[in-house]
Amino acid sequence: MRDGDKVRVALLGLGSIAQVVHLPILSQLKYAELTGVCDVDRSKARAIAARFKIPTVFQSDAEAFASPDVDAVVICTPSHLHESQAVAALQAGKHTLVEKPLALTPEGASSVIAAAEAAGCVLQVAMNNRFRPDSQALKPFLTGGELGGIFLARGAWLNRKVRSPRPTWRHRLATAGGGAFMDVGVQILDLALWLLQFPKVSSVYAHMNRPQDMEVEDSATVVLRLGDGGAVSVSVSWSLVADRDFHNLRLLGTRGSGTIAPLSVFKELDTGLIDVTPQLPAHRENLYTMSYRNELQYFLESVRSPVPPPRPREQVELMRLVSLAYRSSEERREVPAD
């Protein structure tokens, strides 16, 4: 793209994440131009397009992919549609940002990446927690080895119990591919593995709780044994009975530790323990809003850059480990990963 050109973006799927995050942020970014939206609920799509002054409501995905007025698509549809829609968008030559997960299986993730490589297009998975300021501040301590060998990464993503008047696509196995672990567990697991530079995993053990009136699990604990002797532990839930959600990731190393959130970094020196926690700049936005803004800005910059970033091949490994976790839960045993 030429310098100064805006990236013309179409958004597929107008659920809460699109309305609360993607559309408001994209409408504010300098190099984004929202040119169209598409949703199975046409009346909702027309109302949202009017609210954000978006000129076109596409009648189908195919119409959006064929439009000469679209350079890139953002896919915010139910998870079971991600793979097929991303492949179709990429085959049409559209740069593509996909809400997590990229696909429901490792084979599906491989298919999307192959389509991106064949088309020469940017493909990004919306793992927004990588773009949080605290995550970005913690990452260099780990890649630089300042905390020593990490022997335990322990994460929790516990959301308060909310009584829904009716089940949504997230509560159906066919459309979501899983429950709380596929929904929020994928995010915290991706963040932990990304911080650790996706280490070799030797085995996976998972325990999942599925209420009798649900098709999918509402809570899960997953433990990954690492090839170097360390471990990654992730606990997730949709059913926390408390006054607020609880999100946390702590990494323990032989010479230090790091935590988000809140951000803290400690190192052990010969002279004793020191607090080396970076000071984050003050911002009006919360960490989550900032993470989405940074994520979308990175996507636009990648589209406008003559050298796109590498394809997200680590998502194949992520979905392989997710599949092994569900297998472990079903078989009630630890399963090998190598």
C-alpha atoms as a PDB file:
ATOM      1  CA  MET A   1       0.000   0.000   0.000  1.00  0.00           C
ATOM      2  CA  ARG A   2       1.084   3.564  -0.609  1.00  0.00           C
ATOM      3  CA  ASP A   3       2.189   5.771   2.274  1.00  0.00           C
ATOM      4  CA  GLY A   4      -0.813   7.603   3.648  1.00  0.00           C
ATOM      5  CA  ASP A   5      -3.337   5.079   2.338  1.00  0.00           C
ATOM      6  CA  LYS A   6      -5.941   3.882   4.772  1.00  0.00           C
ATOM      7  CA  VAL A   7      -6.701   0.184   5.179  1.00  0.00           C
ATOM      8  CA  ARG A   8     -10.304  -0.403   4.129  1.00  0.00           C
ATOM      9  CA  VAL A   9     -11.750  -2.855   6.644  1.00  0.00           C
ATOM     10  CA  ALA A  10     -14.872  -5.017   6.641  1.00  0.00           C
ATOM     11  CA  LEU A  11     -16.005  -6.661   9.856  1.00  0.00           C
ATOM     12  CA  LEU A  12     -17.835  -9.994   9.952  1.00  0.00           C
ATOM     13  CA  GLY A  13     -19.970 -10.824  12.979  1.00  0.00           C
ATOM     14  CA  LEU A  14     -21.507  -8.055  15.076  1.00  0.00           C
ATOM     15  CA  GLY A  15     -21.668  -9.581  18.528  1.00  0.00           C
ATOM     16  CA  SER A  16     -20.515  -7.938  21.736  1.00  0.00           C
ATOM     17  CA  ILE A  17     -16.752  -8.066  21.016  1.00  0.00           C
ATOM     18  CA  ALA A  18     -17.303  -6.286  17.696  1.00  0.00           C
ATOM     19  CA  GLN A  19     -19.613  -3.643  19.136  1.00  0.00           C
ATOM     20  CA  VAL A  20     -17.712  -2.971  22.358  1.00  0.00           C
ATOM     21  CA  VAL A  21     -14.137  -3.249  21.083  1.00  0.00           C
ATOM     22  CA  HIS A  22     -13.393  -3.585  17.384  1.00  0.00           C
ATOM     23  CA  LEU A  23     -15.781  -1.079  15.835  1.00  0.00           C
ATOM     24  CA  PRO A  24     -15.211   1.767  18.342  1.00  0.00           C
ATOM     25  CA  ILE A  25     -11.426   1.387  18.140  1.00  0.00           C
ATOM     26  CA  LEU A  26     -11.220   0.938  14.365  1.00  0.00           C
ATOM     27  CA  SER A  27     -13.394   4.022  13.883  1.00  0.00           C
ATOM     28  CA  GLN A  28     -10.763   6.029  15.805  1.00  0.00           C
ATOM     29  CA  LEU A  29      -7.544   4.697  14.287  1.00  0.00           C
ATOM     30  CA  LYS A  30      -5.771   6.935  11.802  1.00  0.00           C
ATOM     31  CA  TYR A  31      -5.107   4.342   9.116  1.00  0.00           C
ATOM     32  CA  ALA A  32      -8.403   2.422   9.316  1.00  0.00           C
ATOM     33  CA  GLU A  33     -11.480   3.049   7.190  1.00  0.00           C
ATOM     34  CA  LEU A  34     -14.523   0.948   8.011  1.00  0.00           C
ATOM     35  CA  THR A  35     -16.152   0.257   4.657  1.00  0.00           C
ATOM     36  CA  GLY A  36     -18.557  -2.578   5.447  1.00  0.00           C
ATOM     37  CA  VAL A  37     -20.066  -4.985   7.941  1.00  0.00           C
ATOM     38  CA  CYS A  38     -21.810  -8.340   7.654  1.00  0.00           C
ATOM     39  CA  ASP A  39     -23.983 -10.294  10.068  1.00  0.00           C
ATOM     40  CA  VAL A  40     -26.711 -12.922   9.781  1.00  0.00           C
ATOM     41  CA  ASP A  41     -29.010 -10.456  11.582  1.00  0.00           C
ATOM     42  CA  ARG A  42     -29.464  -7.933   8.772  1.00  0.00           C
ATOM     43  CA  SER A  43     -31.520  -5.462  10.806  1.00  0.00           C
ATOM     44  CA  LYS A  44     -28.855  -5.364  13.503  1.00  0.00           C
ATOM     45  CA  ALA A  45     -26.171  -4.927  10.845  1.00  0.00           C
ATOM     46  CA  ARG A  46     -28.024  -1.961   9.314  1.00  0.00           C
ATOM     47  CA  ALA A  47     -28.481  -0.312  12.716  1.00  0.00           C
ATOM     48  CA  ILE A  48     -24.825  -0.741  13.678  1.00  0.00           C
ATOM     49  CA  ALA A  49     -23.634   0.441  10.273  1.00  0.00           C
ATOM     50  CA  ALA A  50     -25.716   3.586  10.702  1.00  0.00           C
ATOM     51  CA  ARG A  51     -24.375   4.150  14.211  1.00  0.00           C
ATOM     52  CA  PHE A  52     -20.748   3.974  13.055  1.00  0.00           C
ATOM     53  CA  LYS A  53     -21.418   5.628   9.670  1.00  0.00           C
ATOM     54  CA  ILE A  54     -20.274   2.551   7.748  1.00  0.00           C
ATOM     55  CA  PRO A  55     -21.409   2.784   4.117  1.00  0.00           C
ATOM     56  CA  THR A  56     -22.076  -0.866   3.236  1.00  0.00           C
ATOM     57  CA  VAL A  57     -23.961  -3.751   4.791  1.00  0.00           C
ATOM     58  CA  PHE A  58     -22.867  -6.865   2.920  1.00  0.00           C
ATOM     59  CA  GLN A  59     -25.494  -9.528   2.350  1.00  0.00           C
ATOM     60  CA  SER A  60     -22.991 -12.376   2.557  1.00  0.00           C
ATOM     61  CA  ASP A  61     -19.387 -13.189   3.378  1.00  0.00           C
ATOM     62  CA  ALA A  62     -18.739 -13.834  -0.310  1.00  0.00           C
ATOM     63  CA  GLU A  63     -19.939 -10.351  -1.202  1.00  0.00           C
ATOM     64  CA  ALA A  64     -17.556  -8.832   1.354  1.00  0.00           C
ATOM     65  CA  PHE A  65     -14.625 -10.913   0.113  1.00  0.00           C
ATOM     66  CA  ALA A  66     -15.323  -9.960  -3.512  1.00  0.00           C
ATOM     67  CA  SER A  67     -15.650  -6.242  -2.815  1.00  0.00           C
ATOM     68  CA  PRO A  68     -12.951  -4.030  -4.382  1.00  0.00           C
ATOM     69  CA  ASP A  69     -13.564  -1.598  -1.507  1.00  0.00           C
ATOM     70  CA  VAL A  70     -12.197  -4.035   1.107  1.00  0.00           C
ATOM     71  CA  ASP A  71      -8.488  -4.527   1.795  1.00  0.00           C
ATOM     72  CA  ALA A  72      -8.813  -6.437   5.075  1.00  0.00           C
ATOM     73  CA  VAL A  73     -11.393  -8.295   7.115  1.00  0.00           C
ATOM     74  CA  VAL A  74     -11.824  -8.711  10.851  1.00  0.00           C
ATOM     75  CA  ILE A  75     -13.631 -11.946  11.744  1.00  0.00           C
ATOM     76  CA  CYS A  76     -15.669 -11.834  14.963  1.00  0.00           C
ATOM     77  CA  THR A  77     -18.103 -14.641  14.214  1.00  0.00           C
ATOM     78  CA  PRO A  78     -18.726 -17.824  16.278  1.00  0.00           C
ATOM     79  CA  SER A  79     -15.629 -19.968  16.573  1.00  0.00           C
ATOM     80  CA  HIS A  80     -16.712 -22.806  14.276  1.00  0.00           C
ATOM     81  CA  LEU A  81     -16.834 -20.338  11.361  1.00  0.00           C
ATOM     82  CA  HIS A  82     -13.341 -18.910  11.793  1.00  0.00           C
ATOM     83  CA  GLU A  83     -11.472 -21.460   9.707  1.00  0.00           C
ATOM     84  CA  SER A  84     -13.719 -21.442   6.649  1.00  0.00           C
ATOM     85  CA  GLN A  85     -14.216 -17.678   6.648  1.00  0.00           C
ATOM     86  CA  ALA A  86     -10.508 -16.951   7.098  1.00  0.00           C
ATOM     87  CA  VAL A  87      -9.528 -19.317   4.280  1.00  0.00           C
ATOM     88  CA  ALA A  88     -12.126 -17.772   1.960  1.00  0.00           C
ATOM     89  CA  ALA A  89     -11.021 -14.231   2.836  1.00  0.00           C
ATOM     90  CA  LEU A  90      -7.360 -15.036   2.268  1.00  0.00           C
ATOM     91  CA  GLN A  91      -8.069 -16.802  -1.013  1.00  0.00           C
ATOM     92  CA  ALA A  92      -9.836 -13.615  -2.101  1.00  0.00           C
ATOM     93  CA  GLY A  93      -6.662 -11.661  -1.320  1.00  0.00           C
ATOM     94  CA  LYS A  94      -7.904  -9.986   1.864  1.00  0.00           C
ATOM     95  CA  HIS A  95      -5.612  -9.449   4.838  1.00  0.00           C
ATOM     96  CA  THR A  96      -7.254 -11.137   7.796  1.00  0.00           C
ATOM     97  CA  LEU A  97      -7.529 -10.686  11.557  1.00  0.00           C
ATOM     98  CA  VAL A  98      -9.337 -13.568  13.267  1.00  0.00           C
ATOM     99  CA  GLU A  99     -10.695 -13.506  16.791  1.00  0.00           C
ATOM    100  CA  LYS A 100      -9.405 -16.441  18.807  1.00  0.00           C
ATOM    101  CA  PRO A 101      -9.259 -19.339  18.228  1.00  0.00           C
ATOM    102  CA  LEU A 102      -7.882 -19.403  14.696  1.00  0.00           C
ATOM    103  CA  ALA A 103      -9.620 -22.763  14.195  1.00  0.00           C
ATOM    104  CA  LEU A 104     -11.052 -25.485  16.398  1.00  0.00           C
ATOM    105  CA  THR A 105      -8.342 -28.020  15.494  1.00  0.00           C
ATOM    106  CA  PRO A 106      -4.605 -27.919  14.742  1.00  0.00           C
ATOM    107  CA  GLU A 107      -5.361 -29.173  11.238  1.00  0.00           C
ATOM    108  CA  GLY A 108      -7.754 -26.279  10.741  1.00  0.00           C
ATOM    109  CA  ALA A 109      -5.168 -23.783  11.952  1.00  0.00           C
ATOM    110  CA  SER A 110      -2.655 -25.254   9.492  1.00  0.00           C
ATOM    111  CA  SER A 111      -5.159 -24.808   6.653  1.00  0.00           C
ATOM    112  CA  VAL A 112      -5.647 -21.124   7.430  1.00  0.00           C
ATOM    113  CA  ILE A 113      -1.902 -20.494   7.633  1.00  0.00           C
ATOM    114  CA  ALA A 114      -1.372 -22.304   4.326  1.00  0.00           C
ATOM    115  CA  ALA A 115      -4.012 -20.078   2.721  1.00  0.00           C
ATOM    116  CA  ALA A 116      -2.237 -16.960   4.039  1.00  0.00           C
ATOM    117  CA  GLU A 117       1.097 -18.166   2.674  1.00  0.00           C
ATOM    118  CA  ALA A 118      -0.392 -18.959  -0.736  1.00  0.00           C
ATOM    119  CA  ALA A 119      -2.095 -15.558  -0.930  1.00  0.00           C
ATOM    120  CA  GLY A 120       0.823 -13.567   0.470  1.00  0.00           C
ATOM    121  CA  CYS A 121      -1.555 -11.850   2.869  1.00  0.00           C
ATOM    122  CA  VAL A 122      -1.232 -10.808   6.501  1.00  0.00           C
ATOM    123  CA  LEU A 123      -2.846 -13.232   8.940  1.00  0.00           C
ATOM    124  CA  GLN A 124      -3.162 -12.323  12.604  1.00  0.00           C
ATOM    125  CA  VAL A 125      -4.943 -14.034  15.473  1.00  0.00           C
ATOM    126  CA  ALA A 126      -6.551 -11.708  17.992  1.00  0.00           C
ATOM    127  CA  MET A 127      -4.629 -12.771  21.078  1.00  0.00           C
ATOM    128  CA  ASN A 128      -5.018  -9.330  22.590  1.00  0.00           C
ATOM    129  CA  ASN A 129      -3.385 -10.211  25.927  1.00  0.00           C
ATOM    130  CA  ARG A 130      -0.007 -10.291  24.179  1.00  0.00           C
ATOM    131  CA  PHE A 131      -0.533  -6.579  23.461  1.00  0.00           C
ATOM    132  CA  ARG A 132      -1.307  -5.500  27.014  1.00  0.00           C
ATOM    133  CA  PRO A 133       1.252  -2.972  28.291  1.00  0.00           C
ATOM    134  CA  ASP A 134       2.073  -5.171  31.302  1.00  0.00           C
ATOM    135  CA  SER A 135       2.610  -8.240  29.116  1.00  0.00           C
ATOM    136  CA  GLN A 136       4.847  -6.241  26.794  1.00  0.00           C
ATOM    137  CA  ALA A 137       6.829  -4.948  29.785  1.00  0.00           C
ATOM    138  CA  LEU A 138       7.302  -8.430  31.278  1.00  0.00           C
ATOM    139  CA  LYS A 139       8.316 -10.152  28.047  1.00  0.00           C
ATOM    140  CA  PRO A 140      11.924  -8.814  27.827  1.00  0.00           C
ATOM    141  CA  PHE A 141      12.780 -10.149  31.304  1.00  0.00           C
ATOM    142  CA  LEU A 142      11.896 -13.635  30.073  1.00  0.00           C
ATOM    143  CA  THR A 143      13.435 -13.541  26.614  1.00  0.00           C
ATOM    144  CA  GLY A 144      16.610 -12.076  28.120  1.00  0.00           C
ATOM    145  CA  GLY A 145      16.833 -14.791  30.786  1.00  0.00           C
ATOM    146  CA  GLU A 146      16.950 -12.269  33.630  1.00  0.00           C
ATOM    147  CA  LEU A 147      14.657 -14.381  35.822  1.00  0.00           C
ATOM    148  CA  GLY A 148      16.693 -17.546  35.290  1.00  0.00           C
ATOM    149  CA  GLY A 149      15.101 -20.813  34.270  1.00  0.00           C
ATOM    150  CA  ILE A 150      11.306 -20.657  34.560  1.00  0.00           C
ATOM    151  CA  PHE A 151      10.133 -23.760  36.380  1.00  0.00           C
ATOM    152  CA  LEU A 152       6.471 -22.805  36.857  1.00  0.00           C
ATOM    153  CA  ALA A 153       4.005 -20.590  35.031  1.00  0.00           C
ATOM    154  CA  ARG A 154       0.668 -20.496  36.816  1.00  0.00           C
ATOM    155  CA  GLY A 155      -2.292 -18.683  35.302  1.00  0.00           C
ATOM    156  CA  ALA A 156      -5.941 -18.212  36.225  1.00  0.00           C
ATOM    157  CA  TRP A 157      -8.790 -16.703  34.239  1.00  0.00           C
ATOM    158  CA  LEU A 158     -11.859 -16.864  36.442  1.00  0.00           C
ATOM    159  CA  ASN A 159     -14.973 -15.008  35.322  1.00  0.00           C
ATOM    160  CA  ARG A 160     -17.895 -14.275  37.588  1.00  0.00           C
ATOM    161  CA  LYS A 161     -20.948 -16.465  37.240  1.00  0.00           C
ATOM    162  CA  VAL A 162     -23.544 -14.765  35.074  1.00  0.00           C
ATOM    163  CA  ARG A 163     -26.947 -16.283  34.582  1.00  0.00           C
ATOM    164  CA  SER A 164     -27.775 -16.047  30.901  1.00  0.00           C
ATOM    165  CA  PRO A 165     -31.475 -16.011  29.951  1.00  0.00           C
ATOM    166  CA  ARG A 166     -30.694 -18.547  27.210  1.00  0.00           C
ATOM    167  CA  PRO A 167     -27.660 -20.480  25.967  1.00  0.00           C
ATOM    168  CA  THR A 168     -25.602 -18.810  23.255  1.00  0.00           C
ATOM    169  CA  TRP A 169     -23.309 -20.322  20.619  1.00  0.00           C
ATOM    170  CA  ARG A 170     -20.564 -20.319  23.279  1.00  0.00           C
ATOM    171  CA  HIS A 171     -22.502 -22.951  25.232  1.00  0.00           C
ATOM    172  CA  ARG A 172     -22.873 -25.379  22.315  1.00  0.00           C
ATOM    173  CA  LEU A 173     -20.134 -27.851  21.479  1.00  0.00           C
ATOM    174  CA  ALA A 174     -20.761 -27.725  17.731  1.00  0.00           C
ATOM    175  CA  THR A 175     -20.333 -23.954  17.483  1.00  0.00           C
ATOM    176  CA  ALA A 176     -17.744 -23.276  20.213  1.00  0.00           C
ATOM    177  CA  GLY A 177     -15.657 -26.437  20.166  1.00  0.00           C
ATOM    178  CA  GLY A 178     -15.555 -26.412  23.954  1.00  0.00           C
ATOM    179  CA  GLY A 179     -16.527 -24.333  26.951  1.00  0.00           C
ATOM    180  CA  ALA A 180     -14.574 -22.161  29.359  1.00  0.00           C
ATOM    181  CA  PHE A 181     -11.216 -23.611  28.324  1.00  0.00           C
ATOM    182  CA  MET A 182     -11.806 -22.983  24.609  1.00  0.00           C
ATOM    183  CA  ASP A 183     -13.178 -19.534  25.430  1.00  0.00           C
ATOM    184  CA  VAL A 184     -10.834 -18.008  28.011  1.00  0.00           C
ATOM    185  CA  GLY A 185      -8.346 -20.827  28.590  1.00  0.00           C
ATOM    186  CA  VAL A 186      -6.980 -20.515  25.075  1.00  0.00           C
ATOM    187  CA  GLN A 187      -6.123 -16.889  25.828  1.00  0.00           C
ATOM    188  CA  ILE A 188      -4.249 -17.416  29.078  1.00  0.00           C
ATOM    189  CA  LEU A 189      -2.481 -20.522  27.753  1.00  0.00           C
ATOM    190  CA  ASP A 190      -1.374 -18.631  24.651  1.00  0.00           C
ATOM    191  CA  LEU A 191      -0.077 -15.776  26.816  1.00  0.00           C
ATOM    192  CA  ALA A 192       1.928 -18.109  29.068  1.00  0.00           C
ATOM    193  CA  LEU A 193       3.431 -20.028  26.148  1.00  0.00           C
ATOM    194  CA  TRP A 194       4.180 -16.806  24.237  1.00  0.00           C
ATOM    195  CA  LEU A 195       6.035 -15.371  27.229  1.00  0.00           C
ATOM    196  CA  LEU A 196       8.024 -18.618  27.444  1.00  0.00           C
ATOM    197  CA  GLN A 197       8.660 -18.633  23.671  1.00  0.00           C
ATOM    198  CA  PHE A 198       6.523 -21.740  23.151  1.00  0.00           C
ATOM    199  CA  PRO A 199       8.688 -24.352  24.906  1.00  0.00           C
ATOM    200  CA  LYS A 200       8.561 -28.058  24.127  1.00  0.00           C
ATOM    201  CA  VAL A 201       5.732 -29.800  25.992  1.00  0.00           C
ATOM    202  CA  SER A 202       6.102 -33.428  27.052  1.00  0.00           C
ATOM    203  CA  SER A 203       2.614 -34.187  28.422  1.00  0.00           C
ATOM    204  CA  VAL A 204      -0.808 -32.690  29.138  1.00  0.00           C
ATOM    205  CA  TYR A 205      -3.225 -33.378  31.987  1.00  0.00           C
ATOM    206  CA  ALA A 206      -6.662 -31.788  32.237  1.00  0.00           C
ATOM    207  CA  HIS A 207      -9.634 -31.916  34.572  1.00  0.00           C
ATOM    208  CA  MET A 208     -12.827 -30.287  33.343  1.00  0.00           C
ATOM    209  CA  ASN A 209     -16.150 -29.736  35.063  1.00  0.00           C
ATOM    210  CA  ARG A 210     -19.247 -29.981  32.870  1.00  0.00           C
ATOM    211  CA  PRO A 211     -22.555 -29.252  34.621  1.00  0.00           C
ATOM    212  CA  GLN A 212     -25.362 -31.685  33.818  1.00  0.00           C
ATOM    213  CA  ASP A 213     -27.403 -29.027  32.027  1.00  0.00           C
ATOM    214  CA  MET A 214     -24.532 -27.902  29.766  1.00  0.00           C
ATOM    215  CA  GLU A 215     -22.927 -29.352  26.629  1.00  0.00           C
ATOM    216  CA  VAL A 216     -19.531 -27.879  27.504  1.00  0.00           C
ATOM    217  CA  GLU A 217     -17.325 -27.366  30.555  1.00  0.00           C
ATOM    218  CA  ASP A 218     -17.779 -24.329  32.763  1.00  0.00           C
ATOM    219  CA  SER A 219     -14.403 -24.783  34.515  1.00  0.00           C
ATOM    220  CA  ALA A 220     -11.085 -26.493  33.817  1.00  0.00           C
ATOM    221  CA  THR A 221      -7.582 -26.986  35.137  1.00  0.00           C
ATOM    222  CA  VAL A 222      -4.854 -27.930  32.656  1.00  0.00           C
ATOM    223  CA  VAL A 223      -1.240 -28.791  33.468  1.00  0.00           C
ATOM    224  CA  LEU A 224       1.485 -28.970  30.838  1.00  0.00           C
ATOM    225  CA  ARG A 225       4.733 -30.723  31.707  1.00  0.00           C
ATOM    226  CA  LEU A 226       7.586 -29.061  29.847  1.00  0.00           C
ATOM    227  CA  GLY A 227      10.511 -30.825  28.283  1.00  0.00           C
ATOM    228  CA  ASP A 228      12.969 -28.990  30.513  1.00  0.00           C
ATOM    229  CA  GLY A 229      11.236 -30.148  33.696  1.00  0.00           C
ATOM    230  CA  GLY A 230       9.100 -27.064  34.227  1.00  0.00           C
ATOM    231  CA  ALA A 231       5.331 -26.805  34.112  1.00  0.00           C
ATOM    232  CA  VAL A 232       2.524 -24.535  32.970  1.00  0.00           C
ATOM    233  CA  SER A 233      -0.711 -24.611  34.969  1.00  0.00           C
ATOM    234  CA  VAL A 234      -3.899 -22.908  33.792  1.00  0.00           C
ATOM    235  CA  SER A 235      -7.200 -22.723  35.685  1.00  0.00           C
ATOM    236  CA  VAL A 236     -10.299 -21.180  34.092  1.00  0.00           C
ATOM    237  CA  SER A 237     -13.948 -20.798  34.959  1.00  0.00           C
ATOM    238  CA  TRP A 238     -17.184 -19.129  33.945  1.00  0.00           C
ATOM    239  CA  SER A 239     -18.622 -19.853  37.384  1.00  0.00           C
ATOM    240  CA  LEU A 240     -16.672 -17.842  39.937  1.00  0.00           C
ATOM    241  CA  VAL A 241     -19.010 -16.775  42.740  1.00  0.00           C
ATOM    242  CA  ALA A 242     -17.345 -13.547  43.827  1.00  0.00           C
ATOM    243  CA  ASP A 243     -17.643  -9.808  43.514  1.00  0.00           C
ATOM    244  CA  ARG A 244     -15.249  -9.513  40.564  1.00  0.00           C
ATOM    245  CA  ASP A 245     -13.384 -11.525  37.945  1.00  0.00           C
ATOM    246  CA  PHE A 246      -9.910 -12.812  38.764  1.00  0.00           C
ATOM    247  CA  HIS A 247      -7.201 -12.780  36.076  1.00  0.00           C
ATOM    248  CA  ASN A 248      -3.587 -13.506  36.980  1.00  0.00           C
ATOM    249  CA  LEU A 249      -0.396 -15.021  35.617  1.00  0.00           C
ATOM    250  CA  ARG A 250       2.689 -15.683  37.735  1.00  0.00           C
ATOM    251  CA  LEU A 251       6.016 -17.030  36.482  1.00  0.00           C
ATOM    252  CA  LEU A 252       8.566 -18.445  38.898  1.00  0.00           C
ATOM    253  CA  GLY A 253      12.211 -18.612  37.895  1.00  0.00           C
ATOM    254  CA  THR A 254      15.462 -19.667  39.518  1.00  0.00           C
ATOM    255  CA  ARG A 255      16.611 -16.034  39.830  1.00  0.00           C
ATOM    256  CA  GLY A 256      13.376 -14.088  39.919  1.00  0.00           C
ATOM    257  CA  SER A 257       9.643 -13.949  39.338  1.00  0.00           C
ATOM    258  CA  GLY A 258       7.147 -11.955  37.323  1.00  0.00           C
ATOM    259  CA  THR A 259       3.420 -11.374  37.677  1.00  0.00           C
ATOM    260  CA  ILE A 260       0.563  -9.847  35.733  1.00  0.00           C
ATOM    261  CA  ALA A 261      -1.832  -8.414  36.859  1.00  0.00           C
ATOM    262  CA  PRO A 262      -0.793  -6.387  38.695  1.00  0.00           C
ATOM    263  CA  LEU A 263       2.609  -6.160  37.062  1.00  0.00           C
ATOM    264  CA  SER A 264       5.515  -7.008  39.332  1.00  0.00           C
ATOM    265  CA  VAL A 265       9.049  -8.232  38.647  1.00  0.00           C
ATOM    266  CA  PHE A 266      11.559  -9.298  41.311  1.00  0.00           C
ATOM    267  CA  LYS A 267      15.153 -10.448  40.841  1.00  0.00           C
ATOM    268  CA  GLU A 268      17.530 -12.146  43.246  1.00  0.00           C
ATOM    269  CA  LEU A 269      21.046 -10.703  43.278  1.00  0.00           C
ATOM    270  CA  ASP A 270      24.085 -11.419  45.444  1.00  0.00           C
ATOM    271  CA  THR A 271      23.134  -8.355  47.472  1.00  0.00           C
ATOM    272  CA  GLY A 272      19.563  -9.514  47.985  1.00  0.00           C
ATOM    273  CA  LEU A 273      16.099  -9.241  46.467  1.00  0.00           C
ATOM    274  CA  ILE A 274      15.323  -6.181  44.346  1.00  0.00           C
ATOM    275  CA  ASP A 275      12.099  -4.902  42.829  1.00  0.00           C
ATOM    276  CA  VAL A 276      12.681  -4.171  39.131  1.00  0.00           C
ATOM    277  CA  THR A 277       9.025  -3.709  38.180  1.00  0.00           C
ATOM    278  CA  PRO A 278       8.816  -1.368  35.164  1.00  0.00           C
ATOM    279  CA  GLN A 279       6.709   1.733  35.622  1.00  0.00           C
ATOM    280  CA  LEU A 280       3.975   1.828  33.017  1.00  0.00           C
ATOM    281  CA  PRO A 281       2.917   5.201  31.626  1.00  0.00           C
ATOM    282  CA  ALA A 282      -0.365   6.521  32.971  1.00  0.00           C
ATOM    283  CA  HIS A 283      -3.264   6.066  30.561  1.00  0.00           C
ATOM    284  CA  ARG A 284      -6.952   6.818  30.673  1.00  0.00           C
ATOM    285  CA  GLU A 285      -7.863   3.484  29.089  1.00  0.00           C
ATOM    286  CA  ASN A 286      -7.831   0.219  31.010  1.00  0.00           C
ATOM    287  CA  LEU A 287      -5.351  -2.522  30.126  1.00  0.00           C
ATOM    288  CA  TYR A 288      -7.848  -4.512  28.086  1.00  0.00           C
ATOM    289  CA  THR A 289      -8.960  -1.599  25.921  1.00  0.00           C
ATOM    290  CA  MET A 290      -5.332  -0.680  25.376  1.00  0.00           C
ATOM    291  CA  SER A 291      -4.507  -4.257  24.411  1.00  0.00           C
ATOM    292  CA  TYR A 292      -7.165  -4.271  21.696  1.00  0.00           C
ATOM    293  CA  ARG A 293      -6.082  -0.848  20.460  1.00  0.00           C
ATOM    294  CA  ASN A 294      -2.450  -2.014  20.255  1.00  0.00           C
ATOM    295  CA  GLU A 295      -3.505  -5.261  18.567  1.00  0.00           C
ATOM    296  CA  LEU A 296      -5.566  -3.525  15.887  1.00  0.00           C
ATOM    297  CA  GLN A 297      -2.871  -0.903  15.350  1.00  0.00           C
ATOM    298  CA  TYR A 298      -0.315  -3.673  14.847  1.00  0.00           C
ATOM    299  CA  PHE A 299      -2.587  -5.356  12.315  1.00  0.00           C
ATOM    300  CA  LEU A 300      -2.992  -2.149  10.315  1.00  0.00           C
ATOM    301  CA  GLU A 301       0.754  -1.495  10.408  1.00  0.00           C
ATOM    302  CA  SER A 302       1.400  -5.038   9.200  1.00  0.00           C
ATOM    303  CA  VAL A 303      -0.991  -4.581   6.284  1.00  0.00           C
ATOM    304  CA  ARG A 304       0.635  -1.278   5.334  1.00  0.00           C
ATOM    305  CA  SER A 305       4.182  -2.600   5.722  1.00  0.00           C
ATOM    306  CA  PRO A 306       6.084  -3.912   2.687  1.00  0.00           C
ATOM    307  CA  VAL A 307       7.397  -6.716   4.917  1.00  0.00           C
ATOM    308  CA  PRO A 308       4.505  -8.490   6.684  1.00  0.00           C
ATOM    309  CA  PRO A 309       5.164 -10.305   9.976  1.00  0.00           C
ATOM    310  CA  PRO A 310       5.699 -14.077  10.066  1.00  0.00           C
ATOM    311  CA  ARG A 311       2.599 -16.253   9.882  1.00  0.00           C
ATOM    312  CA  PRO A 312       1.254 -17.292  13.312  1.00  0.00           C
ATOM    313  CA  ARG A 313       2.445 -20.904  13.044  1.00  0.00           C
ATOM    314  CA  GLU A 314       2.571 -21.243  16.827  1.00  0.00           C
ATOM    315  CA  GLN A 315      -1.239 -21.342  16.740  1.00  0.00           C
ATOM    316  CA  VAL A 316      -1.024 -24.856  15.294  1.00  0.00           C
ATOM    317  CA  GLU A 317       0.906 -25.982  18.368  1.00  0.00           C
ATOM    318  CA  LEU A 318      -1.487 -24.099  20.644  1.00  0.00           C
ATOM    319  CA  MET A 319      -4.510 -25.862  19.171  1.00  0.00           C
ATOM    320  CA  ARG A 320      -2.686 -29.203  19.298  1.00  0.00           C
ATOM    321  CA  LEU A 321      -2.203 -28.739  23.043  1.00  0.00           C
ATOM    322  CA  VAL A 322      -5.831 -27.639  23.438  1.00  0.00           C
ATOM    323  CA  SER A 323      -6.961 -30.798  21.636  1.00  0.00           C
ATOM    324  CA  LEU A 324      -4.750 -32.906  23.902  1.00  0.00           C
ATOM    325  CA  ALA A 325      -6.271 -31.212  26.959  1.00  0.00           C
ATOM    326  CA  TYR A 326      -9.782 -32.195  25.886  1.00  0.00           C
ATOM    327  CA  ARG A 327      -8.556 -35.717  25.153  1.00  0.00           C
ATOM    328  CA  SER A 328      -6.952 -35.913  28.596  1.00  0.00           C
ATOM    329  CA  SER A 329     -10.185 -34.820  30.239  1.00  0.00           C
ATOM    330  CA  GLU A 330     -12.233 -37.359  28.300  1.00  0.00           C
ATOM    331  CA  GLU A 331      -9.823 -40.221  29.010  1.00  0.00           C
ATOM    332  CA  ARG A 332      -9.156 -39.090  32.596  1.00  0.00           C
ATOM    333  CA  ARG A 333      -5.422 -39.497  32.259  1.00  0.00           C
ATOM    334  CA  GLU A 334      -2.237 -37.626  31.462  1.00  0.00           C
ATOM    335  CA  VAL A 335      -1.507 -37.874  27.736  1.00  0.00           C
ATOM    336  CA  PRO A 336       1.906 -37.581  26.060  1.00  0.00           C
ATOM    337  CA  ALA A 337       2.477 -34.526  23.891  1.00  0.00           C
ATOM    338  CA  ASP A 338       5.750 -35.379  22.139  1.00  0.00           C
END
